[in-house]
Structures are given as C-alpha cells and as structure tokens.
Amino acid sequence: MAAFSAAMAESLAGYYEFIGAQVHQWADPLTQEQFWRNPYGYGNSAGHLVLHVTGNLNYYIGARLAGTGYVRNRDLEFTDASRRSKDEVLAAFDRTVAMVTRAIRSQSEQDWMREYSAEREPEARDRFTIALRCAGHAYHHVGQMIYICRELEKK
C-alpha cells in the first residue's frame, strides 16, 4: 500500500505541475494589459483567475493541509483592481504550486485519509479528497483562461 500511496502522490503532484505549465502557456504571451482585460461583460480576466487559483490553493492546501498560516480574502481574488505586474502574480502562483507539490509529496500513507475540514468544502473530509478537488478546480479555471486568451487573440 505504501507504494500505491507514493505513486498517487507523485501522480497528483505531477498533475499540479502540468496545471502550472498550462497557466504559463496561456498567460505568458499576454501583455500586462491583456492579462487584466476581461473580453466579456461577465466573468473574469486571466489575471483574476490566476489570483483566484493561487488563493484557493494557498488556503485549501497551504493553510489547511500544510499549515502555512495563509489567510484568504476570496472576494479580493476577483475584484483586486491594483493590476499588479503579471510577472509578480505568476511568480506568486509558481510559489504556490511548488508549495502544493511539496505538501502532496510529503503525505504519508496514513496522512491521505486524515480528517480534513475547511470553509466552502463540506464534501472534502480527508486530505486525498481536497487534493483531488483542488486539482479539478484549478484545471477548470485553466479552461476558462484558454477561452479568454483565444478571445483576446481575435482583437
């Protein structure tokens, strides 16, 4: 069972690294202005989606699993008007993905089934479930970024 736990951790960590690469594939070519532009009358900019995924992972994995002490302001992830530099936002995202992969790779066989609780995640009752749900959530937002970036290419 320990071999399965290690393989599962490596697979999950690798998937988070893939998500990080996908975010860069779509965000890196954007200008600073495009990074923060919302091409629709609804939804978010690519920049706000990166802020949101960063906050999500920092809270659900960082604060609640890895014990980083991160305090989340979820609303600001979608409304932050400061338009920080794209490089700064992506660097924070990269640090977060690195923290997540370290936390996942450090889980023992027993850790995966340890009790877990967090705001807005009543279904995630163990560490494996939250790691899986956060990966799905992050990739959902990568899909939104792809849609936004393709729309920005048209203009």
N, C-alpha and C. Protein backbone atom coordinates (compact mmCIF):
# COMPACT_ATOMS: atom_id res chain seq x y z
N MET A 1 0.82 -1.20 0.00
CA MET A 1 0.00 0.00 0.00
C MET A 1 0.86 1.26 0.00
N ALA A 2 2.03 1.22 0.62
CA ALA A 2 2.91 2.39 0.64
C ALA A 2 3.35 2.77 -0.77
N ALA A 3 3.58 1.78 -1.61
CA ALA A 3 3.97 2.06 -3.00
C ALA A 3 2.84 2.76 -3.74
N PHE A 4 1.60 2.32 -3.48
CA PHE A 4 0.45 2.97 -4.11
C PHE A 4 0.33 4.41 -3.64
N SER A 5 0.50 4.65 -2.35
CA SER A 5 0.42 6.00 -1.79
C SER A 5 1.47 6.91 -2.42
N ALA A 6 2.68 6.40 -2.56
CA ALA A 6 3.75 7.19 -3.18
C ALA A 6 3.45 7.47 -4.65
N ALA A 7 2.94 6.48 -5.35
CA ALA A 7 2.60 6.66 -6.77
C ALA A 7 1.46 7.67 -6.92
N MET A 8 0.48 7.59 -6.03
CA MET A 8 -0.65 8.53 -6.06
C MET A 8 -0.15 9.95 -5.80
N ALA A 9 0.70 10.11 -4.82
CA ALA A 9 1.24 11.44 -4.50
C ALA A 9 2.03 11.99 -5.69
N GLU A 10 2.85 11.16 -6.29
CA GLU A 10 3.65 11.61 -7.42
C GLU A 10 2.75 11.98 -8.60
N SER A 11 1.72 11.20 -8.83
CA SER A 11 0.79 11.49 -9.92
C SER A 11 0.05 12.81 -9.68
N LEU A 12 -0.44 13.01 -8.47
CA LEU A 12 -1.13 14.27 -8.13
C LEU A 12 -0.18 15.46 -8.25
N ALA A 13 1.01 15.32 -7.70
CA ALA A 13 1.98 16.42 -7.77
C ALA A 13 2.32 16.74 -9.23
N GLY A 14 2.50 15.70 -10.03
CA GLY A 14 2.77 15.91 -11.45
C GLY A 14 1.63 16.62 -12.16
N TYR A 15 0.40 16.31 -11.76
CA TYR A 15 -0.76 16.98 -12.36
C TYR A 15 -0.78 18.46 -12.00
N TYR A 16 -0.44 18.80 -10.76
CA TYR A 16 -0.35 20.21 -10.38
C TYR A 16 0.75 20.92 -11.18
N GLU A 17 1.86 20.24 -11.42
CA GLU A 17 2.93 20.83 -12.23
C GLU A 17 2.45 21.04 -13.67
N PHE A 18 1.67 20.12 -14.18
CA PHE A 18 1.06 20.27 -15.51
C PHE A 18 0.14 21.48 -15.54
N ILE A 19 -0.68 21.65 -14.52
CA ILE A 19 -1.57 22.81 -14.44
C ILE A 19 -0.75 24.09 -14.43
N GLY A 20 0.33 24.11 -13.66
CA GLY A 20 1.20 25.29 -13.64
C GLY A 20 1.75 25.61 -15.01
N ALA A 21 2.17 24.59 -15.73
CA ALA A 21 2.70 24.79 -17.09
C ALA A 21 1.61 25.30 -18.02
N GLN A 22 0.40 24.80 -17.86
CA GLN A 22 -0.71 25.27 -18.70
C GLN A 22 -1.03 26.74 -18.44
N VAL A 23 -1.03 27.14 -17.18
CA VAL A 23 -1.27 28.55 -16.86
C VAL A 23 -0.23 29.41 -17.57
N HIS A 24 1.01 29.00 -17.52
CA HIS A 24 2.06 29.77 -18.19
C HIS A 24 1.92 29.75 -19.71
N GLN A 25 1.53 28.62 -20.25
CA GLN A 25 1.37 28.54 -21.71
C GLN A 25 0.39 29.59 -22.20
N TRP A 26 -0.67 29.83 -21.43
CA TRP A 26 -1.69 30.77 -21.87
C TRP A 26 -1.44 32.19 -21.36
N ALA A 27 -0.88 32.35 -20.19
CA ALA A 27 -0.70 33.69 -19.63
C ALA A 27 0.58 34.37 -20.11
N ASP A 28 1.64 33.61 -20.31
CA ASP A 28 2.92 34.23 -20.68
C ASP A 28 2.85 35.11 -21.93
N PRO A 29 2.15 34.70 -22.99
CA PRO A 29 2.11 35.54 -24.19
C PRO A 29 1.29 36.83 -24.04
N LEU A 30 0.48 36.92 -23.00
CA LEU A 30 -0.37 38.10 -22.82
C LEU A 30 0.46 39.31 -22.39
N THR A 31 0.06 40.46 -22.87
CA THR A 31 0.65 41.70 -22.37
C THR A 31 0.08 41.97 -20.98
N GLN A 32 0.67 42.91 -20.29
CA GLN A 32 0.16 43.31 -18.98
C GLN A 32 -1.31 43.73 -19.10
N GLU A 33 -1.62 44.49 -20.11
CA GLU A 33 -3.00 44.98 -20.29
C GLU A 33 -3.94 43.81 -20.59
N GLN A 34 -3.53 42.90 -21.45
CA GLN A 34 -4.37 41.74 -21.78
C GLN A 34 -4.58 40.83 -20.57
N PHE A 35 -3.56 40.70 -19.75
CA PHE A 35 -3.63 39.84 -18.57
C PHE A 35 -4.79 40.26 -17.67
N TRP A 36 -5.06 41.57 -17.61
CA TRP A 36 -6.10 42.09 -16.73
C TRP A 36 -7.40 42.42 -17.48
N ARG A 37 -7.42 42.28 -18.78
CA ARG A 37 -8.62 42.63 -19.55
C ARG A 37 -9.61 41.46 -19.54
N ASN A 38 -10.86 41.82 -19.35
CA ASN A 38 -11.94 40.85 -19.44
C ASN A 38 -12.64 41.12 -20.77
N PRO A 39 -12.55 40.21 -21.73
CA PRO A 39 -13.12 40.48 -23.05
C PRO A 39 -14.65 40.35 -23.09
N TYR A 40 -15.25 40.02 -21.99
CA TYR A 40 -16.70 39.82 -21.94
C TYR A 40 -17.32 40.79 -20.93
N GLY A 41 -18.61 40.90 -20.93
CA GLY A 41 -19.30 41.73 -19.95
C GLY A 41 -19.57 40.98 -18.66
N TYR A 42 -18.99 39.81 -18.51
CA TYR A 42 -19.18 38.96 -17.34
C TYR A 42 -17.89 38.18 -17.12
N GLY A 43 -17.83 37.47 -16.03
CA GLY A 43 -16.65 36.63 -15.80
C GLY A 43 -15.45 37.39 -15.31
N ASN A 44 -14.28 36.85 -15.61
CA ASN A 44 -13.04 37.37 -15.04
C ASN A 44 -11.97 37.54 -16.11
N SER A 45 -10.94 38.24 -15.75
CA SER A 45 -9.73 38.33 -16.58
C SER A 45 -8.85 37.13 -16.27
N ALA A 46 -7.88 36.87 -17.12
CA ALA A 46 -6.91 35.82 -16.84
C ALA A 46 -6.18 36.13 -15.54
N GLY A 47 -5.85 37.40 -15.31
CA GLY A 47 -5.16 37.79 -14.09
C GLY A 47 -5.95 37.46 -12.84
N HIS A 48 -7.25 37.76 -12.87
CA HIS A 48 -8.07 37.45 -11.70
C HIS A 48 -8.22 35.94 -11.51
N LEU A 49 -8.25 35.19 -12.59
CA LEU A 49 -8.31 33.73 -12.45
C LEU A 49 -7.04 33.19 -11.82
N VAL A 50 -5.89 33.75 -12.19
CA VAL A 50 -4.63 33.30 -11.57
C VAL A 50 -4.63 33.68 -10.08
N LEU A 51 -5.10 34.88 -9.75
CA LEU A 51 -5.20 35.26 -8.33
C LEU A 51 -6.11 34.28 -7.58
N HIS A 52 -7.22 33.92 -8.21
CA HIS A 52 -8.18 33.03 -7.56
C HIS A 52 -7.60 31.64 -7.34
N VAL A 53 -6.98 31.07 -8.34
CA VAL A 53 -6.40 29.73 -8.18
C VAL A 53 -5.28 29.77 -7.14
N THR A 54 -4.49 30.83 -7.15
CA THR A 54 -3.43 30.98 -6.15
C THR A 54 -4.02 31.03 -4.74
N GLY A 55 -5.06 31.84 -4.56
CA GLY A 55 -5.70 31.93 -3.25
C GLY A 55 -6.34 30.62 -2.83
N ASN A 56 -6.99 29.96 -3.77
CA ASN A 56 -7.64 28.69 -3.50
C ASN A 56 -6.63 27.65 -3.01
N LEU A 57 -5.55 27.50 -3.74
CA LEU A 57 -4.54 26.51 -3.35
C LEU A 57 -3.83 26.89 -2.06
N ASN A 58 -3.56 28.19 -1.88
CA ASN A 58 -2.92 28.63 -0.64
C ASN A 58 -3.79 28.36 0.58
N TYR A 59 -5.10 28.47 0.40
CA TYR A 59 -5.98 28.21 1.54
C TYR A 59 -6.21 26.71 1.75
N TYR A 60 -6.73 26.04 0.75
CA TYR A 60 -7.15 24.64 0.93
C TYR A 60 -5.98 23.68 1.13
N ILE A 61 -4.88 23.92 0.44
CA ILE A 61 -3.72 23.04 0.61
C ILE A 61 -2.73 23.68 1.59
N GLY A 62 -2.39 24.95 1.36
CA GLY A 62 -1.40 25.62 2.18
C GLY A 62 -1.81 25.75 3.64
N ALA A 63 -2.87 26.51 3.88
CA ALA A 63 -3.28 26.77 5.27
C ALA A 63 -3.85 25.54 5.94
N ARG A 64 -4.69 24.80 5.23
CA ARG A 64 -5.44 23.73 5.87
C ARG A 64 -4.72 22.38 5.88
N LEU A 65 -3.78 22.18 4.97
CA LEU A 65 -3.08 20.89 4.94
C LEU A 65 -1.61 21.06 5.33
N ALA A 66 -0.94 22.05 4.78
CA ALA A 66 0.49 22.24 5.03
C ALA A 66 0.78 23.14 6.22
N GLY A 67 -0.24 23.80 6.76
CA GLY A 67 -0.06 24.63 7.94
C GLY A 67 0.73 25.90 7.70
N THR A 68 0.53 26.55 6.55
CA THR A 68 1.30 27.75 6.21
C THR A 68 0.82 29.00 6.93
N GLY A 69 -0.40 28.98 7.45
CA GLY A 69 -0.94 30.17 8.11
C GLY A 69 -1.58 31.16 7.15
N TYR A 70 -1.70 30.81 5.89
CA TYR A 70 -2.29 31.70 4.89
C TYR A 70 -3.71 32.10 5.29
N VAL A 71 -4.01 33.39 5.16
CA VAL A 71 -5.35 33.91 5.43
C VAL A 71 -5.91 34.39 4.09
N ARG A 72 -7.06 33.86 3.74
CA ARG A 72 -7.63 34.10 2.41
C ARG A 72 -8.64 35.25 2.43
N ASN A 73 -8.58 36.06 1.35
CA ASN A 73 -9.62 37.05 1.08
C ASN A 73 -10.17 36.70 -0.30
N ARG A 74 -11.11 35.76 -0.33
CA ARG A 74 -11.61 35.22 -1.59
C ARG A 74 -12.22 36.28 -2.49
N ASP A 75 -12.98 37.20 -1.92
CA ASP A 75 -13.62 38.24 -2.74
C ASP A 75 -12.60 39.08 -3.49
N LEU A 76 -11.48 39.40 -2.85
CA LEU A 76 -10.45 40.22 -3.47
C LEU A 76 -9.80 39.51 -4.67
N GLU A 77 -9.80 38.20 -4.65
CA GLU A 77 -9.23 37.45 -5.79
C GLU A 77 -9.94 37.82 -7.09
N PHE A 78 -11.21 38.18 -7.01
CA PHE A 78 -12.00 38.52 -8.19
C PHE A 78 -12.15 40.01 -8.42
N THR A 79 -11.83 40.83 -7.42
CA THR A 79 -12.09 42.26 -7.52
C THR A 79 -10.85 43.13 -7.41
N ASP A 80 -9.71 42.55 -7.13
CA ASP A 80 -8.48 43.32 -6.95
C ASP A 80 -8.25 44.21 -8.17
N ALA A 81 -8.26 45.51 -7.95
CA ALA A 81 -8.09 46.47 -9.05
C ALA A 81 -6.68 47.02 -9.13
N SER A 82 -5.75 46.49 -8.34
CA SER A 82 -4.39 47.02 -8.31
C SER A 82 -3.60 46.72 -9.57
N ARG A 83 -4.02 45.71 -10.31
CA ARG A 83 -3.33 45.31 -11.55
C ARG A 83 -1.82 45.16 -11.33
N ARG A 84 -1.49 44.37 -10.33
CA ARG A 84 -0.09 44.07 -10.08
C ARG A 84 0.56 43.53 -11.35
N SER A 85 1.86 43.57 -11.40
CA SER A 85 2.52 43.10 -12.62
C SER A 85 2.22 41.63 -12.84
N LYS A 86 2.06 41.29 -14.10
CA LYS A 86 1.80 39.91 -14.49
C LYS A 86 2.89 39.00 -13.94
N ASP A 87 4.14 39.45 -14.03
CA ASP A 87 5.26 38.64 -13.54
C ASP A 87 5.15 38.37 -12.04
N GLU A 88 4.74 39.37 -11.29
CA GLU A 88 4.58 39.21 -9.83
C GLU A 88 3.47 38.21 -9.51
N VAL A 89 2.35 38.33 -10.21
CA VAL A 89 1.22 37.43 -9.97
C VAL A 89 1.58 35.99 -10.35
N LEU A 90 2.25 35.83 -11.48
CA LEU A 90 2.65 34.48 -11.91
C LEU A 90 3.73 33.90 -10.99
N ALA A 91 4.61 34.73 -10.47
CA ALA A 91 5.63 34.24 -9.54
C ALA A 91 4.97 33.74 -8.25
N ALA A 92 3.96 34.46 -7.76
CA ALA A 92 3.23 34.01 -6.57
C ALA A 92 2.51 32.69 -6.86
N PHE A 93 1.94 32.58 -8.05
CA PHE A 93 1.30 31.33 -8.46
C PHE A 93 2.32 30.18 -8.48
N ASP A 94 3.49 30.43 -9.05
CA ASP A 94 4.53 29.40 -9.12
C ASP A 94 4.97 28.95 -7.73
N ARG A 95 5.13 29.90 -6.82
CA ARG A 95 5.50 29.54 -5.44
C ARG A 95 4.41 28.68 -4.80
N THR A 96 3.17 29.01 -5.12
CA THR A 96 2.05 28.24 -4.57
C THR A 96 2.04 26.82 -5.11
N VAL A 97 2.23 26.67 -6.41
CA VAL A 97 2.26 25.32 -7.00
C VAL A 97 3.42 24.52 -6.39
N ALA A 98 4.55 25.15 -6.19
CA ALA A 98 5.69 24.46 -5.57
C ALA A 98 5.35 24.03 -4.14
N MET A 99 4.67 24.88 -3.39
CA MET A 99 4.26 24.53 -2.03
C MET A 99 3.29 23.35 -2.06
N VAL A 100 2.34 23.39 -2.99
CA VAL A 100 1.35 22.32 -3.10
C VAL A 100 2.03 21.00 -3.42
N THR A 101 2.93 21.00 -4.37
CA THR A 101 3.59 19.74 -4.74
C THR A 101 4.45 19.20 -3.60
N ARG A 102 5.11 20.10 -2.86
CA ARG A 102 5.88 19.65 -1.68
C ARG A 102 4.95 19.02 -0.65
N ALA A 103 3.82 19.69 -0.40
CA ALA A 103 2.87 19.19 0.60
C ALA A 103 2.33 17.83 0.17
N ILE A 104 1.99 17.68 -1.08
CA ILE A 104 1.45 16.41 -1.57
C ILE A 104 2.50 15.31 -1.49
N ARG A 105 3.70 15.61 -1.90
CA ARG A 105 4.76 14.59 -1.88
C ARG A 105 5.16 14.21 -0.46
N SER A 106 4.85 15.06 0.51
CA SER A 106 5.23 14.76 1.89
C SER A 106 4.17 13.95 2.63
N GLN A 107 3.03 13.69 2.03
CA GLN A 107 1.97 12.93 2.70
C GLN A 107 2.35 11.46 2.82
N SER A 108 2.17 10.94 4.00
CA SER A 108 2.41 9.50 4.21
C SER A 108 1.13 8.75 3.84
N GLU A 109 1.25 7.46 3.81
CA GLU A 109 0.08 6.61 3.52
C GLU A 109 -1.06 6.92 4.50
N GLN A 110 -0.73 7.12 5.77
CA GLN A 110 -1.76 7.42 6.78
C GLN A 110 -2.30 8.84 6.64
N ASP A 111 -1.46 9.77 6.19
CA ASP A 111 -1.88 11.16 6.07
C ASP A 111 -3.05 11.35 5.11
N TRP A 112 -3.06 10.59 4.02
CA TRP A 112 -4.08 10.81 2.98
C TRP A 112 -5.50 10.70 3.51
N MET A 113 -5.72 9.85 4.47
CA MET A 113 -7.08 9.64 4.98
C MET A 113 -7.34 10.41 6.27
N ARG A 114 -6.39 11.25 6.68
CA ARG A 114 -6.61 12.06 7.88
C ARG A 114 -7.77 13.01 7.66
N GLU A 115 -8.48 13.28 8.73
CA GLU A 115 -9.65 14.17 8.68
C GLU A 115 -9.24 15.54 8.15
N TYR A 116 -10.13 16.14 7.39
CA TYR A 116 -9.89 17.44 6.79
C TYR A 116 -11.19 18.24 6.86
N SER A 117 -11.08 19.55 7.12
CA SER A 117 -12.25 20.43 7.04
C SER A 117 -11.77 21.82 6.64
N ALA A 118 -12.66 22.52 5.95
CA ALA A 118 -12.38 23.89 5.52
C ALA A 118 -13.68 24.55 5.10
N GLU A 119 -13.67 25.88 5.12
CA GLU A 119 -14.83 26.63 4.65
C GLU A 119 -15.12 26.28 3.20
N ARG A 120 -16.38 26.20 2.86
CA ARG A 120 -16.86 26.02 1.50
C ARG A 120 -16.46 24.67 0.89
N GLU A 121 -16.04 23.72 1.70
CA GLU A 121 -15.66 22.39 1.20
C GLU A 121 -16.19 21.30 2.14
N PRO A 122 -17.50 21.24 2.34
CA PRO A 122 -18.01 20.22 3.27
C PRO A 122 -17.83 18.79 2.79
N GLU A 123 -17.70 18.60 1.47
CA GLU A 123 -17.55 17.24 0.94
C GLU A 123 -16.13 16.71 1.12
N ALA A 124 -15.17 17.58 1.29
CA ALA A 124 -13.76 17.16 1.41
C ALA A 124 -13.49 16.82 2.88
N ARG A 125 -13.64 15.56 3.21
CA ARG A 125 -13.49 15.15 4.60
C ARG A 125 -12.13 14.51 4.89
N ASP A 126 -11.31 14.35 3.83
CA ASP A 126 -9.97 13.80 4.04
C ASP A 126 -9.00 14.53 3.10
N ARG A 127 -7.72 14.34 3.34
CA ARG A 127 -6.69 15.06 2.58
C ARG A 127 -6.64 14.66 1.11
N PHE A 128 -6.86 13.39 0.82
CA PHE A 128 -6.87 12.99 -0.59
C PHE A 128 -7.97 13.71 -1.35
N THR A 129 -9.15 13.77 -0.77
CA THR A 129 -10.28 14.40 -1.44
C THR A 129 -10.00 15.87 -1.73
N ILE A 130 -9.43 16.60 -0.79
CA ILE A 130 -9.19 18.03 -1.06
C ILE A 130 -8.11 18.20 -2.11
N ALA A 131 -7.09 17.37 -2.11
CA ALA A 131 -6.04 17.48 -3.13
C ALA A 131 -6.62 17.22 -4.51
N LEU A 132 -7.51 16.24 -4.61
CA LEU A 132 -8.14 15.92 -5.89
C LEU A 132 -9.11 17.02 -6.32
N ARG A 133 -9.93 17.50 -5.41
CA ARG A 133 -10.90 18.56 -5.74
C ARG A 133 -10.20 19.84 -6.15
N CYS A 134 -9.12 20.20 -5.48
CA CYS A 134 -8.39 21.43 -5.84
C CYS A 134 -7.75 21.30 -7.22
N ALA A 135 -7.28 20.12 -7.56
CA ALA A 135 -6.70 19.92 -8.89
C ALA A 135 -7.77 20.11 -9.96
N GLY A 136 -8.94 19.53 -9.74
CA GLY A 136 -10.04 19.70 -10.70
C GLY A 136 -10.48 21.15 -10.80
N HIS A 137 -10.56 21.81 -9.68
CA HIS A 137 -10.94 23.23 -9.65
C HIS A 137 -9.93 24.07 -10.42
N ALA A 138 -8.66 23.84 -10.18
CA ALA A 138 -7.62 24.62 -10.86
C ALA A 138 -7.69 24.42 -12.36
N TYR A 139 -7.87 23.17 -12.79
CA TYR A 139 -7.89 22.93 -14.23
C TYR A 139 -9.16 23.48 -14.87
N HIS A 140 -10.25 23.53 -14.14
CA HIS A 140 -11.46 24.19 -14.62
C HIS A 140 -11.16 25.64 -15.00
N HIS A 141 -10.42 26.32 -14.13
CA HIS A 141 -10.08 27.71 -14.39
C HIS A 141 -9.05 27.86 -15.51
N VAL A 142 -8.19 26.86 -15.70
CA VAL A 142 -7.30 26.88 -16.87
C VAL A 142 -8.15 26.87 -18.13
N GLY A 143 -9.20 26.07 -18.16
CA GLY A 143 -10.10 26.05 -19.30
C GLY A 143 -10.71 27.42 -19.57
N GLN A 144 -11.09 28.12 -18.52
CA GLN A 144 -11.61 29.48 -18.69
C GLN A 144 -10.54 30.41 -19.25
N MET A 145 -9.31 30.25 -18.76
CA MET A 145 -8.22 31.08 -19.28
C MET A 145 -8.00 30.84 -20.77
N ILE A 146 -8.09 29.59 -21.19
CA ILE A 146 -7.92 29.28 -22.61
C ILE A 146 -8.97 30.02 -23.42
N TYR A 147 -10.19 29.98 -22.98
CA TYR A 147 -11.29 30.65 -23.67
C TYR A 147 -11.04 32.16 -23.74
N ILE A 148 -10.64 32.75 -22.62
CA ILE A 148 -10.36 34.20 -22.57
C ILE A 148 -9.20 34.54 -23.50
N CYS A 149 -8.13 33.78 -23.44
CA CYS A 149 -6.95 34.07 -24.26
C CYS A 149 -7.24 33.95 -25.76
N ARG A 150 -8.03 32.98 -26.11
CA ARG A 150 -8.41 32.84 -27.53
C ARG A 150 -9.25 34.02 -27.98
N GLU A 151 -10.10 34.51 -27.11
CA GLU A 151 -10.92 35.68 -27.46
C GLU A 151 -10.02 36.92 -27.60
N LEU A 152 -9.03 37.05 -26.72
CA LEU A 152 -8.13 38.20 -26.80
C LEU A 152 -7.28 38.16 -28.08
N GLU A 153 -6.97 36.96 -28.57
CA GLU A 153 -6.21 36.84 -29.82
C GLU A 153 -6.96 37.40 -31.01
N LYS A 154 -8.29 37.39 -30.97
CA LYS A 154 -9.12 37.88 -32.07
C LYS A 154 -9.09 39.39 -32.19
N LYS A 155 -8.76 40.07 -31.11
CA LYS A 155 -8.86 41.53 -31.08
C LYS A 155 -7.56 42.19 -31.42
